[in-house]
Amino acid sequence: MDEALRRNPRPPETLLRLSIDRYHIDAPQPVLIPHYGNVARAWQKLRPSLALGFRSIQPDMDIVDADLARELGATVETVNDWNRRVVLPDGTALPITFNVFRLSGKAAELRDDLLEGTQTIKEYYSPFESGSNRLTLATAVNDAIRGAYAAGPRAAVTLNSDGTFWIFAGTAPDRRMMFTGQRFGEAMDYFFQDPITHFLVDDGVWALADIVAGLDPATHTAAVAKNDVASLVEDLLAPDDVRLAVTLLSAQRMVDRDRATVEGDEAVTELLTSGADLKTWCTDAVRGVRL
């Protein structure tokens, strides 16, 4: 990664983030605090072109950051409610972001132990989505890591170990790509062929949650209850009929804002351009499927 960044005439800002929390430390094959210390010391010695940082969960604040600081002979500085910095003796600062506790997957097994020590995802991200410079989750994730919140054109792109990638909190679950060497612009063109991508990037995931709450309250309740921002869009749009309804509503917004035109299918054209109450039609259709 360091060599690639040095070769790139326009290298992106790159941060390698390591997860540091009780799951890793108490795992059957644990990643211990001294292991994290070894990575930090190696990074400090090599000084690669990429930055080093950490991420954890809110209930482990004041625990893993303090332990890591002791391991490195460092100090801990508070940036805000989400971010700390582990400051090494030479003044180098390693950021550590504390995310909300996820109630899905293996984490659900510790729900009773940790639930009171964390915020809901909506409480956590509400500061990013208030005021005139409203941010979507895809941007807020980047800014939370930086410890600086400002509106801008950035978006977080997630790449999975299986080679799939997508705009974080900005792409429908059926709009993911398998990485086979595409250029960035090619990938963005593909993602933005879907009206849902436009809706999520423009209006944010909470606008999506509000729509799904009206279409299918049970799906909305289950998705938000997981407290898992990584899968929130996927959970909200999991039912095929809900995803179809949101696609139609997102397309209608694009047409209304003169960002798209409708050609071809007469039935779709009538739905999107006739001034009909599409939201009511979609709600009735989704709830009819549920019955």
Protein backbone atom coordinates (compact mmCIF):
# COMPACT_ATOMS: atom_id res chain seq x y z
CA MET A 1 0.00 0.00 0.00
CA ASP A 2 2.82 2.38 0.83
CA GLU A 3 4.53 1.71 -2.50
CA ALA A 4 1.28 2.20 -4.42
CA LEU A 5 0.63 5.52 -2.67
CA ARG A 6 4.15 6.73 -3.41
CA ARG A 7 3.77 5.83 -7.11
CA ASN A 8 0.41 7.57 -7.42
CA PRO A 9 0.81 11.14 -8.77
CA ARG A 10 -2.41 12.07 -6.94
CA PRO A 11 -2.39 9.82 -3.86
CA PRO A 12 -5.64 9.71 -1.88
CA GLU A 13 -5.68 10.37 1.83
CA THR A 14 -5.45 6.84 3.23
CA LEU A 15 -6.01 5.66 6.80
CA LEU A 16 -5.46 2.07 7.94
CA ARG A 17 -7.89 1.51 10.82
CA LEU A 18 -7.58 -1.43 13.21
CA SER A 19 -10.54 -2.63 15.28
CA ILE A 20 -9.61 -2.65 18.97
CA ASP A 21 -12.26 -3.79 21.44
CA ARG A 22 -13.15 -6.58 23.84
CA TYR A 23 -14.21 -8.89 21.00
CA HIS A 24 -10.67 -9.03 19.66
CA ILE A 25 -8.98 -9.02 23.05
CA ASP A 26 -11.19 -11.80 24.51
CA ALA A 27 -11.46 -13.88 21.32
CA PRO A 28 -10.43 -17.58 21.27
CA GLN A 29 -7.39 -16.46 19.27
CA PRO A 30 -7.05 -12.99 20.78
CA VAL A 31 -5.49 -9.85 19.39
CA LEU A 32 -3.95 -8.43 22.55
CA ILE A 33 -2.97 -4.87 23.45
CA PRO A 34 0.76 -5.70 22.90
CA HIS A 35 -0.12 -6.82 19.36
CA TYR A 36 -1.70 -3.45 18.63
CA GLY A 37 1.36 -1.85 20.20
CA ASN A 38 3.62 -3.79 17.83
CA VAL A 39 1.70 -2.45 14.83
CA ALA A 40 1.92 1.11 16.12
CA ARG A 41 5.66 0.80 16.77
CA ALA A 42 6.28 -0.70 13.34
CA TRP A 43 4.25 2.06 11.70
CA GLN A 44 6.13 4.69 13.72
CA LYS A 45 9.48 3.26 12.60
CA LEU A 46 8.59 2.87 8.91
CA ARG A 47 6.56 6.08 8.54
CA PRO A 48 4.61 4.85 5.49
CA SER A 49 2.50 7.09 3.25
CA LEU A 50 -0.70 5.89 4.89
CA ALA A 51 -1.92 7.00 8.31
CA LEU A 52 -2.67 4.64 11.20
CA GLY A 53 -5.75 4.76 13.39
CA PHE A 54 -8.13 2.61 15.42
CA ARG A 55 -11.83 2.12 15.91
CA SER A 56 -13.70 0.71 18.87
CA ILE A 57 -17.14 0.70 20.49
CA GLN A 58 -18.49 3.29 22.90
CA PRO A 59 -18.71 0.94 25.92
CA ASP A 60 -14.94 0.38 25.63
CA MET A 61 -14.10 4.09 25.83
CA ASP A 62 -11.64 4.77 28.68
CA ILE A 63 -10.56 1.11 28.52
CA VAL A 64 -8.84 0.16 25.27
CA ASP A 65 -7.53 3.66 24.60
CA ALA A 66 -6.00 3.85 28.08
CA ASP A 67 -4.50 0.34 27.78
CA LEU A 68 -3.01 1.11 24.37
CA ALA A 69 -1.58 4.39 25.64
CA ARG A 70 0.12 2.59 28.55
CA GLU A 71 1.55 0.02 26.14
CA LEU A 72 3.06 2.79 23.99
CA GLY A 73 4.07 5.16 26.78
CA ALA A 74 1.59 7.59 25.27
CA THR A 75 -1.20 9.86 26.50
CA VAL A 76 -4.89 10.06 25.54
CA GLU A 77 -6.50 13.28 24.34
CA THR A 78 -10.26 13.77 23.91
CA VAL A 79 -11.40 15.27 20.60
CA ASN A 80 -15.17 14.97 21.11
CA ASP A 81 -17.82 12.45 22.23
CA TRP A 82 -16.76 10.02 19.48
CA ASN A 83 -13.05 10.53 19.02
CA ARG A 84 -9.86 10.32 21.05
CA ARG A 85 -6.21 10.58 20.06
CA VAL A 86 -3.40 8.40 21.39
CA VAL A 87 -0.44 10.79 21.41
CA LEU A 88 2.97 9.09 21.21
CA PRO A 89 6.00 10.49 23.07
CA ASP A 90 7.28 12.16 19.87
CA GLY A 91 3.97 14.02 19.46
CA THR A 92 2.52 11.77 16.73
CA ALA A 93 -1.22 11.32 17.26
CA LEU A 94 -3.11 8.14 16.33
CA PRO A 95 -6.89 8.68 16.07
CA ILE A 96 -9.34 6.27 17.68
CA THR A 97 -13.07 6.51 16.92
CA PHE A 98 -15.67 4.97 19.25
CA ASN A 99 -18.73 3.78 17.33
CA VAL A 100 -22.14 2.82 18.66
CA PHE A 101 -22.52 -0.74 19.90
CA ARG A 102 -23.96 -3.07 17.30
CA LEU A 103 -26.76 -5.37 18.41
CA SER A 104 -26.43 -7.77 15.49
CA GLY A 105 -24.22 -10.75 14.75
CA LYS A 106 -21.98 -11.98 17.56
CA ALA A 107 -22.36 -8.64 19.31
CA ALA A 108 -26.00 -9.48 20.08
CA GLU A 109 -24.78 -12.07 22.59
CA LEU A 110 -23.49 -9.25 24.83
CA ARG A 111 -26.50 -6.97 24.43
CA ASP A 112 -27.61 -7.04 28.07
CA ASP A 113 -24.06 -6.31 29.21
CA LEU A 114 -23.38 -3.35 26.96
CA LEU A 115 -26.61 -1.78 25.79
CA GLU A 116 -26.68 0.95 28.47
CA GLY A 117 -23.14 1.99 27.59
CA THR A 118 -23.86 3.10 24.06
CA GLN A 119 -26.10 5.34 21.99
CA THR A 120 -28.58 4.42 19.30
CA ILE A 121 -27.35 4.92 15.75
CA LYS A 122 -29.80 7.78 15.29
CA GLU A 123 -28.54 9.56 18.43
CA TYR A 124 -24.96 8.96 17.32
CA TYR A 125 -25.40 10.37 13.82
CA SER A 126 -27.99 13.09 14.49
CA PRO A 127 -25.35 15.86 14.87
CA PHE A 128 -24.12 15.10 11.36
CA GLU A 129 -27.60 15.46 9.87
CA SER A 130 -28.72 18.70 11.51
CA GLY A 131 -28.32 22.30 10.42
CA SER A 132 -27.95 23.72 6.94
CA ASN A 133 -24.98 21.53 5.97
CA ARG A 134 -26.78 18.24 6.36
CA LEU A 135 -24.53 15.22 5.89
CA THR A 136 -25.37 11.71 4.79
CA LEU A 137 -24.01 8.74 6.70
CA ALA A 138 -21.60 7.98 3.87
CA THR A 139 -19.88 11.31 4.51
CA ALA A 140 -20.40 11.36 8.26
CA VAL A 141 -18.47 8.11 8.69
CA ASN A 142 -15.44 9.69 7.05
CA ASP A 143 -15.80 12.86 9.09
CA ALA A 144 -16.25 11.01 12.39
CA ILE A 145 -12.92 9.32 11.80
CA ARG A 146 -11.29 12.63 11.02
CA GLY A 147 -12.85 14.29 14.04
CA ALA A 148 -13.96 17.16 11.79
CA TYR A 149 -17.51 17.66 10.55
CA ALA A 150 -18.02 19.67 7.37
CA ALA A 151 -20.22 19.23 4.35
CA GLY A 152 -18.36 18.15 1.23
CA PRO A 153 -18.40 15.85 -1.78
CA ARG A 154 -16.67 12.90 -0.08
CA ALA A 155 -18.27 9.49 0.36
CA ALA A 156 -17.04 6.34 2.09
CA VAL A 157 -16.62 3.33 -0.21
CA THR A 158 -16.67 -0.06 1.52
CA LEU A 159 -14.69 -2.99 0.08
CA ASN A 160 -15.46 -6.43 1.50
CA SER A 161 -13.03 -9.31 1.77
CA ASP A 162 -14.98 -11.15 -0.95
CA GLY A 163 -14.23 -8.35 -3.43
CA THR A 164 -17.65 -6.67 -3.37
CA PHE A 165 -17.80 -2.90 -2.86
CA TRP A 166 -20.39 -0.14 -2.63
CA ILE A 167 -20.99 3.39 -1.37
CA PHE A 168 -21.38 3.03 2.38
CA ALA A 169 -24.97 3.80 3.39
CA GLY A 170 -25.50 5.06 -0.16
CA THR A 171 -26.25 2.02 -2.31
CA ALA A 172 -29.12 -0.46 -2.44
CA PRO A 173 -28.13 -4.01 -1.45
CA ASP A 174 -28.63 -5.31 -5.00
CA ARG A 175 -26.38 -2.58 -6.41
CA ARG A 176 -23.05 -3.83 -5.11
CA MET A 177 -20.20 -4.57 -7.48
CA MET A 178 -17.50 -7.21 -7.60
CA PHE A 179 -14.12 -5.52 -7.95
CA THR A 180 -12.39 -6.68 -11.12
CA GLY A 181 -10.19 -3.67 -11.76
CA GLN A 182 -12.86 -1.06 -12.58
CA ARG A 183 -11.89 2.58 -12.53
CA PHE A 184 -13.52 4.68 -9.83
CA GLY A 185 -15.59 6.64 -12.34
CA GLU A 186 -16.94 3.45 -13.90
CA ALA A 187 -18.09 2.20 -10.53
CA MET A 188 -19.78 5.50 -9.68
CA ASP A 189 -21.59 5.49 -13.04
CA TYR A 190 -22.98 2.05 -12.22
CA PHE A 191 -24.06 2.98 -8.69
CA PHE A 192 -25.78 6.18 -9.86
CA GLN A 193 -27.80 4.35 -12.51
CA ASP A 194 -30.00 3.36 -9.56
CA PRO A 195 -32.41 6.09 -8.32
CA ILE A 196 -31.91 4.83 -4.75
CA THR A 197 -28.25 5.87 -4.86
CA HIS A 198 -29.28 9.43 -5.77
CA PHE A 199 -31.85 9.43 -2.95
CA LEU A 200 -29.42 8.15 -0.30
CA VAL A 201 -26.55 10.43 -1.28
CA ASP A 202 -28.84 13.48 -1.56
CA ASP A 203 -31.24 12.92 1.32
CA GLY A 204 -29.57 10.44 3.66
CA VAL A 205 -30.47 7.16 5.28
CA TRP A 206 -32.88 8.66 7.81
CA ALA A 207 -35.04 9.97 4.98
CA LEU A 208 -35.04 6.40 3.68
CA ALA A 209 -35.95 5.11 7.14
CA ASP A 210 -38.91 7.51 7.31
CA ILE A 211 -40.21 6.27 3.95
CA VAL A 212 -39.85 2.61 4.91
CA ALA A 213 -41.59 3.30 8.24
CA GLY A 214 -44.64 4.39 6.25
CA LEU A 215 -44.43 1.53 3.77
CA ASP A 216 -43.63 -1.34 6.11
CA PRO A 217 -43.43 -0.49 9.84
CA ALA A 218 -42.27 -3.98 10.85
CA THR A 219 -39.26 -3.87 8.52
CA HIS A 220 -38.35 -0.39 9.76
CA THR A 221 -38.62 -1.39 13.43
CA ALA A 222 -36.47 -4.49 12.99
CA ALA A 223 -33.79 -2.63 11.01
CA VAL A 224 -33.41 0.21 13.51
CA ALA A 225 -33.50 -2.13 16.52
CA LYS A 226 -30.28 -3.79 15.38
CA ASN A 227 -28.44 -0.49 16.00
CA ASP A 228 -26.13 -1.47 13.16
CA VAL A 229 -25.31 1.33 10.74
CA ALA A 230 -23.27 -1.04 8.55
CA SER A 231 -26.39 -3.00 7.59
CA LEU A 232 -29.10 -0.37 8.05
CA VAL A 233 -29.73 0.31 4.35
CA GLU A 234 -29.56 -3.39 3.55
CA ASP A 235 -32.08 -4.21 6.30
CA LEU A 236 -34.45 -1.39 5.36
CA LEU A 237 -34.48 -2.49 1.71
CA ALA A 238 -34.38 -6.25 2.26
CA PRO A 239 -37.99 -6.97 1.11
CA ASP A 240 -38.18 -6.89 -2.68
CA ASP A 241 -41.48 -5.01 -2.70
CA VAL A 242 -40.14 -2.32 -0.36
CA ARG A 243 -37.06 -1.88 -2.54
CA LEU A 244 -39.26 -1.60 -5.64
CA ALA A 245 -41.47 1.00 -3.94
CA VAL A 246 -38.45 3.05 -2.84
CA THR A 247 -37.03 2.82 -6.38
CA LEU A 248 -40.25 4.28 -7.80
CA LEU A 249 -40.43 7.02 -5.16
CA SER A 250 -36.75 7.89 -5.70
CA ALA A 251 -37.26 8.00 -9.46
CA GLN A 252 -40.26 10.30 -9.04
CA ARG A 253 -38.11 12.68 -6.97
CA MET A 254 -35.54 12.79 -9.75
CA VAL A 255 -38.23 13.54 -12.32
CA ASP A 256 -39.79 16.23 -10.11
CA ARG A 257 -36.37 17.86 -9.68
CA ASP A 258 -35.72 17.78 -13.45
CA ARG A 259 -32.83 15.38 -12.99
CA ALA A 260 -34.37 12.59 -15.07
CA THR A 261 -36.94 11.97 -17.79
CA VAL A 262 -39.18 8.96 -18.34
CA GLU A 263 -39.35 7.18 -21.67
CA GLY A 264 -40.82 3.91 -22.84
CA ASP A 265 -43.17 2.01 -20.54
CA GLU A 266 -46.51 3.84 -20.44
CA ALA A 267 -47.55 2.48 -17.04
CA VAL A 268 -44.31 3.61 -15.40
CA THR A 269 -44.50 6.96 -17.15
CA GLU A 270 -48.01 7.50 -15.81
CA LEU A 271 -46.96 6.54 -12.29
CA LEU A 272 -44.00 8.91 -12.23
CA THR A 273 -45.35 11.90 -14.11
CA SER A 274 -49.14 12.03 -13.79
CA GLY A 275 -49.16 13.78 -10.44
CA ALA A 276 -50.78 10.73 -8.84
CA ASP A 277 -50.16 10.02 -5.16
CA LEU A 278 -47.40 7.51 -5.75
CA LYS A 279 -46.57 7.15 -2.06
CA THR A 280 -50.12 6.04 -1.26
CA TRP A 281 -50.11 3.66 -4.22
CA CYS A 282 -46.80 2.13 -3.10
CA THR A 283 -47.96 1.85 0.52
CA ASP A 284 -51.15 0.07 -0.50
CA ALA A 285 -49.17 -2.26 -2.79
CA VAL A 286 -46.59 -3.18 -0.12
CA ARG A 287 -49.15 -3.76 2.58
CA GLY A 288 -51.26 -5.78 0.18
CA VAL A 289 -48.33 -8.11 -0.38
CA ARG A 290 -47.87 -8.47 3.38
CA LEU A 291 -51.49 -9.61 3.95
